[in-house]
């Protein structure tokens, strides 16, 4: 799967994200929905920080406080 997508602007990209999130949570209930949303947020944070998919933060040493 390629990480390259071709959108027709910001609104098109946001619509695709909304559709994907709706798809992921459509059959989930209660706590499962929250777990899925937390996972999505973690993915967005990785992308925003430029980390590879599923990559670990090189600055996170596992100690409290990050």
PDB file of N, CA and C in Angstrom:
ATOM      1  N   UNK A   1       0.843  -1.180   0.000  1.00  0.00           N
ATOM      2  CA  UNK A   1       0.000   0.000   0.000  1.00  0.00           C
ATOM      3  C   UNK A   1       0.883   1.237   0.000  1.00  0.00           C
ATOM      4  N   UNK A   2       0.580   2.141  -0.854  1.00  0.00           N
ATOM      5  CA  UNK A   2       1.365   3.359  -0.988  1.00  0.00           C
ATOM      6  C   UNK A   2       0.913   4.400   0.030  1.00  0.00           C
ATOM      7  N   UNK A   3       1.860   5.200   0.502  1.00  0.00           N
ATOM      8  CA  UNK A   3       1.536   6.300   1.404  1.00  0.00           C
ATOM      9  C   UNK A   3       1.217   7.566   0.619  1.00  0.00           C
ATOM     10  N   UNK A   4       1.286   7.500  -0.707  1.00  0.00           N
ATOM     11  CA  UNK A   4       1.030   8.663  -1.538  1.00  0.00           C
ATOM     12  C   UNK A   4      -0.414   8.665  -2.008  1.00  0.00           C
ATOM     13  N   UNK A   5      -1.108   9.748  -1.728  1.00  0.00           N
ATOM     14  CA  UNK A   5      -2.489   9.899  -2.149  1.00  0.00           C
ATOM     15  C   UNK A   5      -2.616  11.205  -2.902  1.00  0.00           C
ATOM     16  N   UNK A   6      -3.533  11.245  -3.810  1.00  0.00           N
ATOM     17  CA  UNK A   6      -3.752  12.454  -4.595  1.00  0.00           C
ATOM     18  C   UNK A   6      -5.150  12.975  -4.312  1.00  0.00           C
ATOM     19  N   UNK A   7      -5.209  14.079  -3.576  1.00  0.00           N
ATOM     20  CA  UNK A   7      -6.470  14.679  -3.190  1.00  0.00           C
ATOM     21  C   UNK A   7      -6.676  15.960  -3.981  1.00  0.00           C
ATOM     22  N   UNK A   8      -7.914  16.345  -4.125  1.00  0.00           N
ATOM     23  CA  UNK A   8      -8.250  17.599  -4.787  1.00  0.00           C
ATOM     24  C   UNK A   8      -8.449  18.680  -3.742  1.00  0.00           C
ATOM     25  N   UNK A   9      -7.460  18.874  -2.918  1.00  0.00           N
ATOM     26  CA  UNK A   9      -7.521  19.911  -1.902  1.00  0.00           C
ATOM     27  C   UNK A   9      -7.754  19.374  -0.505  1.00  0.00           C
ATOM     28  N   UNK A  10      -7.688  20.294   0.446  1.00  0.00           N
ATOM     29  CA  UNK A  10      -7.820  19.965   1.863  1.00  0.00           C
ATOM     30  C   UNK A  10      -9.182  19.363   2.199  1.00  0.00           C
ATOM     31  N   UNK A  11     -10.243  19.912   1.628  1.00  0.00           N
ATOM     32  CA  UNK A  11     -11.585  19.401   1.921  1.00  0.00           C
ATOM     33  C   UNK A  11     -11.743  17.960   1.445  1.00  0.00           C
ATOM     34  N   UNK A  12     -11.163  17.623   0.310  1.00  0.00           N
ATOM     35  CA  UNK A  12     -11.216  16.260  -0.217  1.00  0.00           C
ATOM     36  C   UNK A  12     -10.482  15.304   0.723  1.00  0.00           C
ATOM     37  N   UNK A  13      -9.325  15.717   1.213  1.00  0.00           N
ATOM     38  CA  UNK A  13      -8.559  14.878   2.139  1.00  0.00           C
ATOM     39  C   UNK A  13      -9.329  14.660   3.440  1.00  0.00           C
ATOM     40  N   UNK A  14      -9.937  15.716   3.963  1.00  0.00           N
ATOM     41  CA  UNK A  14     -10.715  15.600   5.200  1.00  0.00           C
ATOM     42  C   UNK A  14     -11.912  14.673   5.002  1.00  0.00           C
ATOM     43  N   UNK A  15     -12.563  14.755   3.849  1.00  0.00           N
ATOM     44  CA  UNK A  15     -13.705  13.880   3.569  1.00  0.00           C
ATOM     45  C   UNK A  15     -13.265  12.418   3.542  1.00  0.00           C
ATOM     46  N   UNK A  16     -12.107  12.144   2.982  1.00  0.00           N
ATOM     47  CA  UNK A  16     -11.581  10.777   2.942  1.00  0.00           C
ATOM     48  C   UNK A  16     -11.275  10.272   4.351  1.00  0.00           C
ATOM     49  N   UNK A  17     -10.709  11.141   5.182  1.00  0.00           N
ATOM     50  CA  UNK A  17     -10.404  10.762   6.563  1.00  0.00           C
ATOM     51  C   UNK A  17     -11.697  10.457   7.314  1.00  0.00           C
ATOM     52  N   UNK A  18     -12.695  11.319   7.163  1.00  0.00           N
ATOM     53  CA  UNK A  18     -13.987  11.084   7.828  1.00  0.00           C
ATOM     54  C   UNK A  18     -14.593   9.755   7.407  1.00  0.00           C
ATOM     55  N   UNK A  19     -14.538   9.475   6.103  1.00  0.00           N
ATOM     56  CA  UNK A  19     -15.105   8.219   5.594  1.00  0.00           C
ATOM     57  C   UNK A  19     -14.354   7.023   6.172  1.00  0.00           C
ATOM     58  N   UNK A  20     -13.041   7.114   6.273  1.00  0.00           N
ATOM     59  CA  UNK A  20     -12.242   6.016   6.813  1.00  0.00           C
ATOM     60  C   UNK A  20     -12.550   5.794   8.290  1.00  0.00           C
ATOM     61  N   UNK A  21     -12.645   6.878   9.063  1.00  0.00           N
ATOM     62  CA  UNK A  21     -12.954   6.757  10.492  1.00  0.00           C
ATOM     63  C   UNK A  21     -14.347   6.159  10.667  1.00  0.00           C
ATOM     64  N   UNK A  22     -15.312   6.632   9.896  1.00  0.00           N
ATOM     65  CA  UNK A  22     -16.677   6.100   9.973  1.00  0.00           C
ATOM     66  C   UNK A  22     -16.673   4.603   9.697  1.00  0.00           C
ATOM     67  N   UNK A  23     -15.905   4.181   8.698  1.00  0.00           N
ATOM     68  CA  UNK A  23     -15.804   2.764   8.354  1.00  0.00           C
ATOM     69  C   UNK A  23     -15.212   1.960   9.511  1.00  0.00           C
ATOM     70  N   UNK A  24     -14.159   2.497  10.141  1.00  0.00           N
ATOM     71  CA  UNK A  24     -13.479   1.766  11.211  1.00  0.00           C
ATOM     72  C   UNK A  24     -14.331   1.612  12.464  1.00  0.00           C
ATOM     73  N   UNK A  25     -15.197   2.565  12.749  1.00  0.00           N
ATOM     74  CA  UNK A  25     -15.975   2.502  13.992  1.00  0.00           C
ATOM     75  C   UNK A  25     -17.418   2.058  13.785  1.00  0.00           C
ATOM     76  N   UNK A  26     -17.815   1.748  12.553  1.00  0.00           N
ATOM     77  CA  UNK A  26     -19.233   1.487  12.256  1.00  0.00           C
ATOM     78  C   UNK A  26     -19.830   0.347  13.065  1.00  0.00           C
ATOM     79  N   UNK A  27     -19.105  -0.718  13.318  1.00  0.00           N
ATOM     80  CA  UNK A  27     -19.657  -1.857  14.059  1.00  0.00           C
ATOM     81  C   UNK A  27     -19.128  -1.945  15.486  1.00  0.00           C
ATOM     82  N   UNK A  28     -18.347  -0.955  15.888  1.00  0.00           N
ATOM     83  CA  UNK A  28     -17.772  -0.968  17.231  1.00  0.00           C
ATOM     84  C   UNK A  28     -18.742  -0.328  18.218  1.00  0.00           C
ATOM     85  N   UNK A  29     -18.653  -0.766  19.458  1.00  0.00           N
ATOM     86  CA  UNK A  29     -19.524  -0.222  20.492  1.00  0.00           C
ATOM     87  C   UNK A  29     -18.710   0.199  21.707  1.00  0.00           C
ATOM     88  N   UNK A  30     -19.205   1.206  22.388  1.00  0.00           N
ATOM     89  CA  UNK A  30     -18.654   1.633  23.664  1.00  0.00           C
ATOM     90  C   UNK A  30     -17.154   1.797  23.708  1.00  0.00           C
ATOM     91  N   UNK A  31     -16.531   1.018  24.580  1.00  0.00           N
ATOM     92  CA  UNK A  31     -15.090   1.099  24.798  1.00  0.00           C
ATOM     93  C   UNK A  31     -14.284   0.761  23.569  1.00  0.00           C
ATOM     94  N   UNK A  32     -14.823  -0.112  22.719  1.00  0.00           N
ATOM     95  CA  UNK A  32     -14.105  -0.451  21.490  1.00  0.00           C
ATOM     96  C   UNK A  32     -13.946   0.765  20.590  1.00  0.00           C
ATOM     97  N   UNK A  33     -14.987   1.593  20.527  1.00  0.00           N
ATOM     98  CA  UNK A  33     -14.905   2.820  19.725  1.00  0.00           C
ATOM     99  C   UNK A  33     -13.804   3.721  20.259  1.00  0.00           C
ATOM    100  N   UNK A  34     -13.746   3.847  21.583  1.00  0.00           N
ATOM    101  CA  UNK A  34     -12.710   4.677  22.187  1.00  0.00           C
ATOM    102  C   UNK A  34     -11.320   4.153  21.881  1.00  0.00           C
ATOM    103  N   UNK A  35     -11.153   2.828  21.913  1.00  0.00           N
ATOM    104  CA  UNK A  35      -9.858   2.228  21.586  1.00  0.00           C
ATOM    105  C   UNK A  35      -9.460   2.529  20.141  1.00  0.00           C
ATOM    106  N   UNK A  36     -10.436   2.420  19.240  1.00  0.00           N
ATOM    107  CA  UNK A  36     -10.159   2.690  17.824  1.00  0.00           C
ATOM    108  C   UNK A  36      -9.769   4.151  17.633  1.00  0.00           C
ATOM    109  N   UNK A  37     -10.496   5.054  18.279  1.00  0.00           N
ATOM    110  CA  UNK A  37     -10.196   6.481  18.158  1.00  0.00           C
ATOM    111  C   UNK A  37      -8.810   6.785  18.714  1.00  0.00           C
ATOM    112  N   UNK A  38      -8.446   6.179  19.838  1.00  0.00           N
ATOM    113  CA  UNK A  38      -7.101   6.390  20.399  1.00  0.00           C
ATOM    114  C   UNK A  38      -6.033   5.896  19.435  1.00  0.00           C
ATOM    115  N   UNK A  39      -6.272   4.776  18.778  1.00  0.00           N
ATOM    116  CA  UNK A  39      -5.322   4.255  17.808  1.00  0.00           C
ATOM    117  C   UNK A  39      -5.196   5.202  16.611  1.00  0.00           C
ATOM    118  N   UNK A  40      -6.310   5.743  16.162  1.00  0.00           N
ATOM    119  CA  UNK A  40      -6.281   6.705  15.056  1.00  0.00           C
ATOM    120  C   UNK A  40      -5.481   7.938  15.456  1.00  0.00           C
ATOM    121  N   UNK A  41      -5.701   8.432  16.656  1.00  0.00           N
ATOM    122  CA  UNK A  41      -4.960   9.600  17.143  1.00  0.00           C
ATOM    123  C   UNK A  41      -3.468   9.302  17.201  1.00  0.00           C
ATOM    124  N   UNK A  42      -3.100   8.097  17.639  1.00  0.00           N
ATOM    125  CA  UNK A  42      -1.682   7.718  17.685  1.00  0.00           C
ATOM    126  C   UNK A  42      -1.084   7.718  16.280  1.00  0.00           C
ATOM    127  N   UNK A  43      -1.846   7.229  15.301  1.00  0.00           N
ATOM    128  CA  UNK A  43      -1.368   7.217  13.923  1.00  0.00           C
ATOM    129  C   UNK A  43      -1.165   8.643  13.418  1.00  0.00           C
ATOM    130  N   UNK A  44      -2.135   9.516  13.697  1.00  0.00           N
ATOM    131  CA  UNK A  44      -2.022  10.910  13.267  1.00  0.00           C
ATOM    132  C   UNK A  44      -0.797  11.560  13.910  1.00  0.00           C
ATOM    133  N   UNK A  45      -0.561  11.284  15.184  1.00  0.00           N
ATOM    134  CA  UNK A  45       0.624  11.834  15.855  1.00  0.00           C
ATOM    135  C   UNK A  45       1.914  11.344  15.206  1.00  0.00           C
ATOM    136  N   UNK A  46       1.965  10.057  14.829  1.00  0.00           N
ATOM    137  CA  UNK A  46       3.151   9.524  14.161  1.00  0.00           C
ATOM    138  C   UNK A  46       3.392  10.245  12.839  1.00  0.00           C
ATOM    139  N   UNK A  47       2.329  10.425  12.083  1.00  0.00           N
ATOM    140  CA  UNK A  47       2.448  11.096  10.787  1.00  0.00           C
ATOM    141  C   UNK A  47       2.909  12.536  10.984  1.00  0.00           C
ATOM    142  N   UNK A  48       2.317  13.227  11.953  1.00  0.00           N
ATOM    143  CA  UNK A  48       2.662  14.623  12.207  1.00  0.00           C
ATOM    144  C   UNK A  48       4.120  14.783  12.617  1.00  0.00           C
ATOM    145  N   UNK A  49       4.660  13.777  13.297  1.00  0.00           N
ATOM    146  CA  UNK A  49       6.063  13.838  13.744  1.00  0.00           C
ATOM    147  C   UNK A  49       7.012  13.253  12.713  1.00  0.00           C
ATOM    148  N   UNK A  50       6.462  12.767  11.588  1.00  0.00           N
ATOM    149  CA  UNK A  50       7.316  12.250  10.521  1.00  0.00           C
ATOM    150  C   UNK A  50       7.852  10.863  10.761  1.00  0.00           C
ATOM    151  N   UNK A  51       7.230  10.112  11.676  1.00  0.00           N
ATOM    152  CA  UNK A  51       7.695   8.760  11.962  1.00  0.00           C
ATOM    153  C   UNK A  51       7.150   7.791  10.913  1.00  0.00           C
ATOM    154  N   UNK A  52       7.868   6.732  10.634  1.00  0.00           N
ATOM    155  CA  UNK A  52       7.348   5.731   9.698  1.00  0.00           C
ATOM    156  C   UNK A  52       6.156   4.999  10.323  1.00  0.00           C
ATOM    157  N   UNK A  53       5.282   4.408   9.487  1.00  0.00           N
ATOM    158  CA  UNK A  53       4.128   3.694  10.027  1.00  0.00           C
ATOM    159  C   UNK A  53       4.545   2.636  11.043  1.00  0.00           C
ATOM    160  N   UNK A  54       3.945   2.691  12.230  1.00  0.00           N
ATOM    161  CA  UNK A  54       4.256   1.727  13.278  1.00  0.00           C
ATOM    162  C   UNK A  54       5.628   1.920  13.891  1.00  0.00           C
ATOM    163  N   UNK A  55       6.281   3.008  13.507  1.00  0.00           N
ATOM    164  CA  UNK A  55       7.627   3.261  14.019  1.00  0.00           C
ATOM    165  C   UNK A  55       7.615   3.723  15.449  1.00  0.00           C
ATOM    166  N   UNK A  56       8.738   3.563  16.087  1.00  0.00           N
ATOM    167  CA  UNK A  56       8.864   4.010  17.465  1.00  0.00           C
ATOM    168  C   UNK A  56       9.531   5.367  17.504  1.00  0.00           C
ATOM    169  N   UNK A  57       9.148   6.153  18.476  1.00  0.00           N
ATOM    170  CA  UNK A  57       9.748   7.458  18.662  1.00  0.00           C
ATOM    171  C   UNK A  57      11.155   7.253  19.214  1.00  0.00           C
ATOM    172  N   UNK A  58      12.183   7.700  18.492  1.00  0.00           N
ATOM    173  CA  UNK A  58      13.554   7.504  18.965  1.00  0.00           C
ATOM    174  C   UNK A  58      13.847   8.233  20.262  1.00  0.00           C
ATOM    175  N   UNK A  59      13.034   9.231  20.609  1.00  0.00           N
ATOM    176  CA  UNK A  59      13.243   9.965  21.860  1.00  0.00           C
ATOM    177  C   UNK A  59      12.513   9.362  23.039  1.00  0.00           C
ATOM    178  N   UNK A  60      11.668   8.346  22.790  1.00  0.00           N
ATOM    179  CA  UNK A  60      10.920   7.718  23.864  1.00  0.00           C
ATOM    180  C   UNK A  60      11.754   6.567  24.439  1.00  0.00           C
ATOM    181  N   UNK A  61      12.267   6.779  25.633  1.00  0.00           N
ATOM    182  CA  UNK A  61      13.113   5.763  26.264  1.00  0.00           C
ATOM    183  C   UNK A  61      12.317   4.836  27.173  1.00  0.00           C
ATOM    184  N   UNK A  62      10.990   5.006  27.171  1.00  0.00           N
ATOM    185  CA  UNK A  62      10.147   4.145  27.984  1.00  0.00           C
ATOM    186  C   UNK A  62      10.046   4.571  29.440  1.00  0.00           C
ATOM    187  N   UNK A  63      10.759   5.606  29.809  1.00  0.00           N
ATOM    188  CA  UNK A  63      10.731   6.076  31.184  1.00  0.00           C
ATOM    189  C   UNK A  63       9.574   7.064  31.358  1.00  0.00           C
ATOM    190  N   UNK A  64       9.064   7.194  32.569  1.00  0.00           N
ATOM    191  CA  UNK A  64       7.979   8.151  32.807  1.00  0.00           C
ATOM    192  C   UNK A  64       8.387   9.547  32.363  1.00  0.00           C
ATOM    193  N   UNK A  65       7.462  10.217  31.740  1.00  0.00           N
ATOM    194  CA  UNK A  65       7.744  11.568  31.248  1.00  0.00           C
ATOM    195  C   UNK A  65       8.233  11.577  29.817  1.00  0.00           C
ATOM    196  N   UNK A  66       8.368  10.390  29.224  1.00  0.00           N
ATOM    197  CA  UNK A  66       8.724  10.265  27.803  1.00  0.00           C
ATOM    198  C   UNK A  66      10.156  10.463  27.572  1.00  0.00           C
TER     199      UNK A  66
END
